[in-house]
Structure formats: structure tokens, C-alpha cells
Amino acid sequence: MENLNLMTRQELTDSLQYVSGAAFHELALLIKSKPEVSGIEPPLDLFLISFSADIISDISYALESVTWDMAEVYAGKLEAGQNTSEDDQQYQYWQTLQEKWGYLEMAVD
């Protein structure tokens, strides 16, 4: 079972691209802090997520919006039979990341 409160530096950095305000500030501070567990390489470092419900909600909403936009583009490629394995992997990554934040949001409510 995956611990929803742990995310990699890469997941946090990717999430940071789409948030602003307090959520951006909190993510940036966490990324600069010492990881809970050091990974084989820095993108794999694990960080414990202990943000307030409001911050988690802001991040989840931002990623939901972005993932929705990505889904439209991805669906178009699928329907046209033009999707590549890279498209599939990228879409699945973002969908999974958004779901992690969404489940974390439900857990703190």
C-alpha cells in the first residue's frame, strides 16, 4: 500500500509548476527542506506531506484542472490513433499524481 503522505521530490517539483500563492510557497519550502528519506538520486527523495487542508485542496484543484486539459489532448490522440507510448506514460503519470493529491485531500477533510 502506498503512503499518500509521502511524495518524491519529482512529484513535488512537477506539482509546483501549476500552483501559486500559499500553495506554491509551502511546496517550495518543502522541496528545499531535508527529505524524510533520501532516494538513490535527488528526484527520488521522499518528503512527508503535512500541509493544511486548504493548501492540499489548492494543489489538488490546480492539478485536476491541468490534468483535465491534458486529458482532452490525450483523448484526441487516442481517437486519431496517434498516441505514442510516451504520451501514454506521461498522461498516466499526471493522472496518478492528481489522484494522489485528490486522495490526500479526502484524507485530511
N, C-alpha and C. Protein backbone atom coordinates (compact mmCIF):
# COMPACT_ATOMS: atom_id res chain seq x y z
N MET A 1 0.85 -1.19 0.00
CA MET A 1 0.00 0.00 0.00
C MET A 1 0.89 1.24 0.00
N GLU A 2 0.57 2.17 -0.82
CA GLU A 2 1.35 3.40 -0.95
C GLU A 2 0.95 4.38 0.15
N ASN A 3 1.96 5.00 0.78
CA ASN A 3 1.69 6.02 1.79
C ASN A 3 1.41 7.33 1.07
N LEU A 4 0.19 7.81 1.16
CA LEU A 4 -0.20 9.03 0.45
C LEU A 4 0.52 10.26 0.97
N ASN A 5 1.00 10.21 2.20
CA ASN A 5 1.67 11.37 2.78
C ASN A 5 3.12 11.48 2.34
N LEU A 6 3.62 10.56 1.56
CA LEU A 6 4.99 10.62 1.05
C LEU A 6 4.95 10.86 -0.45
N MET A 7 5.69 11.86 -0.89
CA MET A 7 5.82 12.14 -2.32
C MET A 7 7.27 12.39 -2.65
N THR A 8 7.62 12.08 -3.87
CA THR A 8 9.01 12.28 -4.30
C THR A 8 9.26 13.75 -4.62
N ARG A 9 10.54 14.09 -4.61
CA ARG A 9 10.93 15.45 -5.00
C ARG A 9 10.41 15.77 -6.41
N GLN A 10 10.46 14.78 -7.31
CA GLN A 10 9.99 14.99 -8.68
C GLN A 10 8.50 15.31 -8.71
N GLU A 11 7.71 14.56 -7.93
CA GLU A 11 6.27 14.81 -7.89
C GLU A 11 5.97 16.21 -7.34
N LEU A 12 6.71 16.61 -6.31
CA LEU A 12 6.51 17.93 -5.72
C LEU A 12 6.92 19.03 -6.69
N THR A 13 8.05 18.83 -7.36
CA THR A 13 8.53 19.81 -8.34
C THR A 13 7.55 19.94 -9.49
N ASP A 14 7.03 18.82 -9.96
CA ASP A 14 6.04 18.86 -11.04
C ASP A 14 4.76 19.57 -10.58
N SER A 15 4.34 19.32 -9.36
CA SER A 15 3.14 19.97 -8.82
C SER A 15 3.35 21.47 -8.69
N LEU A 16 4.55 21.86 -8.33
CA LEU A 16 4.89 23.27 -8.12
C LEU A 16 4.65 24.12 -9.37
N GLN A 17 4.79 23.51 -10.54
CA GLN A 17 4.61 24.23 -11.81
C GLN A 17 3.21 24.83 -11.98
N TYR A 18 2.23 24.25 -11.31
CA TYR A 18 0.84 24.60 -11.59
C TYR A 18 0.10 25.26 -10.43
N VAL A 19 0.83 25.59 -9.37
CA VAL A 19 0.18 26.24 -8.23
C VAL A 19 0.75 27.64 -8.03
N SER A 20 0.04 28.42 -7.24
CA SER A 20 0.51 29.78 -6.94
C SER A 20 0.18 30.09 -5.49
N GLY A 21 0.55 31.28 -5.06
CA GLY A 21 0.22 31.75 -3.73
C GLY A 21 0.80 30.90 -2.62
N ALA A 22 -0.02 30.68 -1.59
CA ALA A 22 0.43 29.94 -0.40
C ALA A 22 0.82 28.51 -0.74
N ALA A 23 0.11 27.88 -1.67
CA ALA A 23 0.45 26.51 -2.06
C ALA A 23 1.84 26.46 -2.69
N PHE A 24 2.15 27.43 -3.54
CA PHE A 24 3.48 27.50 -4.16
C PHE A 24 4.54 27.66 -3.07
N HIS A 25 4.29 28.57 -2.16
CA HIS A 25 5.24 28.86 -1.08
C HIS A 25 5.50 27.61 -0.23
N GLU A 26 4.45 26.91 0.17
CA GLU A 26 4.59 25.72 1.01
C GLU A 26 5.32 24.59 0.27
N LEU A 27 4.98 24.38 -1.00
CA LEU A 27 5.67 23.36 -1.79
C LEU A 27 7.15 23.69 -1.94
N ALA A 28 7.45 24.95 -2.24
CA ALA A 28 8.84 25.37 -2.41
C ALA A 28 9.63 25.18 -1.13
N LEU A 29 9.04 25.52 0.01
CA LEU A 29 9.72 25.32 1.30
C LEU A 29 9.99 23.84 1.56
N LEU A 30 9.01 23.00 1.26
CA LEU A 30 9.18 21.57 1.49
C LEU A 30 10.29 21.00 0.61
N ILE A 31 10.30 21.40 -0.65
CA ILE A 31 11.32 20.90 -1.58
C ILE A 31 12.73 21.29 -1.12
N LYS A 32 12.85 22.47 -0.51
CA LYS A 32 14.16 22.94 -0.03
C LYS A 32 14.57 22.30 1.29
N SER A 33 13.64 21.65 1.97
CA SER A 33 13.94 21.05 3.28
C SER A 33 14.62 19.69 3.11
N LYS A 34 15.00 19.12 4.24
CA LYS A 34 15.64 17.80 4.24
C LYS A 34 14.57 16.74 3.99
N PRO A 35 14.81 15.82 3.06
CA PRO A 35 13.81 14.79 2.79
C PRO A 35 13.64 13.83 3.97
N GLU A 36 12.49 13.24 4.04
CA GLU A 36 12.22 12.21 5.05
C GLU A 36 13.11 11.00 4.80
N VAL A 37 13.23 10.64 3.52
CA VAL A 37 14.08 9.52 3.10
C VAL A 37 14.83 9.96 1.85
N SER A 38 16.15 9.80 1.87
CA SER A 38 16.94 10.14 0.68
C SER A 38 16.84 9.02 -0.33
N GLY A 39 16.58 9.39 -1.58
CA GLY A 39 16.47 8.41 -2.64
C GLY A 39 17.82 8.09 -3.26
N ILE A 40 17.82 7.19 -4.22
CA ILE A 40 19.03 6.82 -4.94
C ILE A 40 19.61 8.04 -5.64
N GLU A 41 18.74 8.90 -6.11
CA GLU A 41 19.13 10.18 -6.71
C GLU A 41 18.11 11.22 -6.24
N PRO A 42 18.48 12.51 -6.28
CA PRO A 42 17.62 13.55 -5.70
C PRO A 42 16.15 13.54 -6.15
N PRO A 43 15.82 13.31 -7.42
CA PRO A 43 14.39 13.32 -7.78
C PRO A 43 13.56 12.26 -7.04
N LEU A 44 14.25 11.25 -6.48
CA LEU A 44 13.55 10.16 -5.80
C LEU A 44 13.50 10.34 -4.28
N ASP A 45 14.06 11.45 -3.77
CA ASP A 45 13.95 11.74 -2.34
C ASP A 45 12.48 11.77 -1.96
N LEU A 46 12.16 11.26 -0.77
CA LEU A 46 10.77 11.25 -0.30
C LEU A 46 10.55 12.31 0.77
N PHE A 47 9.45 13.02 0.64
CA PHE A 47 9.09 14.07 1.58
C PHE A 47 7.74 13.75 2.21
N LEU A 48 7.62 14.03 3.50
CA LEU A 48 6.37 13.83 4.22
C LEU A 48 5.49 15.05 4.02
N ILE A 49 4.29 14.84 3.53
CA ILE A 49 3.34 15.93 3.28
C ILE A 49 2.52 16.16 4.55
N SER A 50 2.63 17.35 5.10
CA SER A 50 1.87 17.68 6.31
C SER A 50 1.25 19.08 6.18
N PHE A 51 0.80 19.40 4.98
CA PHE A 51 0.18 20.69 4.71
C PHE A 51 -1.22 20.75 5.32
N SER A 52 -1.72 21.97 5.46
CA SER A 52 -3.10 22.15 5.90
C SER A 52 -4.06 21.67 4.81
N ALA A 53 -5.29 21.45 5.21
CA ALA A 53 -6.31 21.00 4.25
C ALA A 53 -6.49 22.01 3.12
N ASP A 54 -6.40 23.30 3.43
CA ASP A 54 -6.56 24.34 2.40
C ASP A 54 -5.46 24.27 1.35
N ILE A 55 -4.22 24.08 1.78
CA ILE A 55 -3.09 24.00 0.84
C ILE A 55 -3.24 22.77 -0.04
N ILE A 56 -3.55 21.63 0.58
CA ILE A 56 -3.72 20.39 -0.19
C ILE A 56 -4.86 20.54 -1.19
N SER A 57 -5.93 21.17 -0.77
CA SER A 57 -7.07 21.39 -1.67
C SER A 57 -6.68 22.27 -2.86
N ASP A 58 -5.91 23.32 -2.60
CA ASP A 58 -5.45 24.20 -3.69
C ASP A 58 -4.60 23.43 -4.69
N ILE A 59 -3.70 22.60 -4.19
CA ILE A 59 -2.82 21.82 -5.07
C ILE A 59 -3.64 20.82 -5.87
N SER A 60 -4.53 20.12 -5.18
CA SER A 60 -5.37 19.12 -5.84
C SER A 60 -6.22 19.75 -6.94
N TYR A 61 -6.82 20.89 -6.65
CA TYR A 61 -7.65 21.57 -7.65
C TYR A 61 -6.83 22.01 -8.86
N ALA A 62 -5.65 22.56 -8.60
CA ALA A 62 -4.79 23.01 -9.70
C ALA A 62 -4.41 21.85 -10.60
N LEU A 63 -4.04 20.72 -10.00
CA LEU A 63 -3.64 19.56 -10.81
C LEU A 63 -4.84 18.92 -11.50
N GLU A 64 -6.00 18.98 -10.87
CA GLU A 64 -7.20 18.46 -11.52
C GLU A 64 -7.50 19.26 -12.79
N SER A 65 -7.37 20.56 -12.71
CA SER A 65 -7.61 21.42 -13.88
C SER A 65 -6.62 21.12 -15.00
N VAL A 66 -5.35 21.00 -14.64
CA VAL A 66 -4.31 20.73 -15.63
C VAL A 66 -4.50 19.35 -16.25
N THR A 67 -4.80 18.37 -15.41
CA THR A 67 -4.97 17.01 -15.90
C THR A 67 -6.19 16.91 -16.82
N TRP A 68 -7.22 17.67 -16.52
CA TRP A 68 -8.41 17.71 -17.38
C TRP A 68 -8.03 18.21 -18.77
N ASP A 69 -7.24 19.28 -18.81
CA ASP A 69 -6.78 19.82 -20.10
C ASP A 69 -5.92 18.81 -20.85
N MET A 70 -5.04 18.13 -20.11
CA MET A 70 -4.19 17.10 -20.73
C MET A 70 -5.04 15.96 -21.27
N ALA A 71 -6.11 15.63 -20.56
CA ALA A 71 -6.98 14.52 -20.98
C ALA A 71 -7.63 14.81 -22.33
N GLU A 72 -8.01 16.05 -22.55
CA GLU A 72 -8.62 16.42 -23.83
C GLU A 72 -7.65 16.19 -24.99
N VAL A 73 -6.42 16.62 -24.80
CA VAL A 73 -5.39 16.45 -25.84
C VAL A 73 -5.10 14.97 -26.04
N TYR A 74 -4.95 14.25 -24.93
CA TYR A 74 -4.64 12.82 -24.99
C TYR A 74 -5.77 12.04 -25.66
N ALA A 75 -7.01 12.36 -25.32
CA ALA A 75 -8.16 11.68 -25.93
C ALA A 75 -8.19 11.90 -27.43
N GLY A 76 -7.85 13.10 -27.86
CA GLY A 76 -7.79 13.39 -29.30
C GLY A 76 -6.76 12.52 -30.00
N LYS A 77 -5.61 12.35 -29.36
CA LYS A 77 -4.57 11.49 -29.94
C LYS A 77 -5.03 10.04 -29.98
N LEU A 78 -5.69 9.59 -28.91
CA LEU A 78 -6.19 8.21 -28.87
C LEU A 78 -7.21 7.97 -29.97
N GLU A 79 -8.15 8.88 -30.11
CA GLU A 79 -9.20 8.73 -31.12
C GLU A 79 -8.62 8.71 -32.53
N ALA A 80 -7.55 9.47 -32.74
CA ALA A 80 -6.92 9.53 -34.06
C ALA A 80 -5.89 8.41 -34.24
N GLY A 81 -5.67 7.63 -33.19
CA GLY A 81 -4.67 6.56 -33.26
C GLY A 81 -3.26 7.09 -33.36
N GLN A 82 -3.03 8.28 -32.84
CA GLN A 82 -1.71 8.91 -32.96
C GLN A 82 -0.96 8.99 -31.63
N ASN A 83 -1.47 8.32 -30.60
CA ASN A 83 -0.77 8.35 -29.32
C ASN A 83 0.46 7.45 -29.36
N THR A 84 1.50 7.90 -28.68
CA THR A 84 2.73 7.12 -28.56
C THR A 84 2.81 6.55 -27.15
N SER A 85 3.74 5.64 -26.93
CA SER A 85 3.92 5.10 -25.58
C SER A 85 4.36 6.20 -24.62
N GLU A 86 5.09 7.19 -25.14
CA GLU A 86 5.48 8.33 -24.30
C GLU A 86 4.25 9.14 -23.89
N ASP A 87 3.31 9.34 -24.82
CA ASP A 87 2.05 10.02 -24.49
C ASP A 87 1.30 9.27 -23.39
N ASP A 88 1.24 7.93 -23.55
CA ASP A 88 0.54 7.10 -22.58
C ASP A 88 1.17 7.22 -21.20
N GLN A 89 2.50 7.13 -21.14
CA GLN A 89 3.21 7.21 -19.86
C GLN A 89 3.05 8.59 -19.22
N GLN A 90 3.16 9.63 -20.03
CA GLN A 90 3.04 10.98 -19.49
C GLN A 90 1.63 11.22 -18.94
N TYR A 91 0.62 10.83 -19.69
CA TYR A 91 -0.74 11.04 -19.21
C TYR A 91 -0.99 10.23 -17.94
N GLN A 92 -0.54 8.99 -17.90
CA GLN A 92 -0.75 8.16 -16.72
C GLN A 92 -0.03 8.76 -15.50
N TYR A 93 1.18 9.28 -15.71
CA TYR A 93 1.91 9.92 -14.61
C TYR A 93 1.10 11.07 -14.01
N TRP A 94 0.64 11.97 -14.86
CA TRP A 94 -0.09 13.14 -14.37
C TRP A 94 -1.43 12.75 -13.75
N GLN A 95 -2.10 11.77 -14.33
CA GLN A 95 -3.36 11.29 -13.76
C GLN A 95 -3.13 10.70 -12.37
N THR A 96 -2.08 9.90 -12.23
CA THR A 96 -1.76 9.30 -10.94
C THR A 96 -1.38 10.36 -9.91
N LEU A 97 -0.59 11.34 -10.33
CA LEU A 97 -0.19 12.42 -9.42
C LEU A 97 -1.42 13.20 -8.95
N GLN A 98 -2.31 13.51 -9.86
CA GLN A 98 -3.53 14.24 -9.48
C GLN A 98 -4.37 13.40 -8.53
N GLU A 99 -4.45 12.10 -8.77
CA GLU A 99 -5.22 11.23 -7.88
C GLU A 99 -4.61 11.17 -6.49
N LYS A 100 -3.27 11.15 -6.41
CA LYS A 100 -2.61 11.15 -5.10
C LYS A 100 -3.00 12.39 -4.30
N TRP A 101 -2.94 13.55 -4.93
CA TRP A 101 -3.34 14.78 -4.24
C TRP A 101 -4.82 14.74 -3.89
N GLY A 102 -5.64 14.20 -4.77
CA GLY A 102 -7.08 14.10 -4.50
C GLY A 102 -7.38 13.19 -3.32
N TYR A 103 -6.72 12.03 -3.25
CA TYR A 103 -6.92 11.13 -2.12
C TYR A 103 -6.40 11.75 -0.83
N LEU A 104 -5.28 12.45 -0.92
CA LEU A 104 -4.73 13.12 0.25
C LEU A 104 -5.71 14.20 0.74
N GLU A 105 -6.32 14.89 -0.22
CA GLU A 105 -7.32 15.91 0.14
C GLU A 105 -8.49 15.28 0.89
N MET A 106 -8.97 14.13 0.42
CA MET A 106 -10.08 13.46 1.10
C MET A 106 -9.66 12.99 2.49
N ALA A 107 -8.41 12.57 2.64
CA ALA A 107 -7.93 12.06 3.92
C ALA A 107 -7.83 13.14 4.98
N VAL A 108 -7.55 14.38 4.58
CA VAL A 108 -7.39 15.45 5.58
C VAL A 108 -8.70 16.18 5.85
N ASP A 109 -9.71 15.96 5.04
CA ASP A 109 -11.01 16.62 5.28
C ASP A 109 -11.75 15.97 6.42
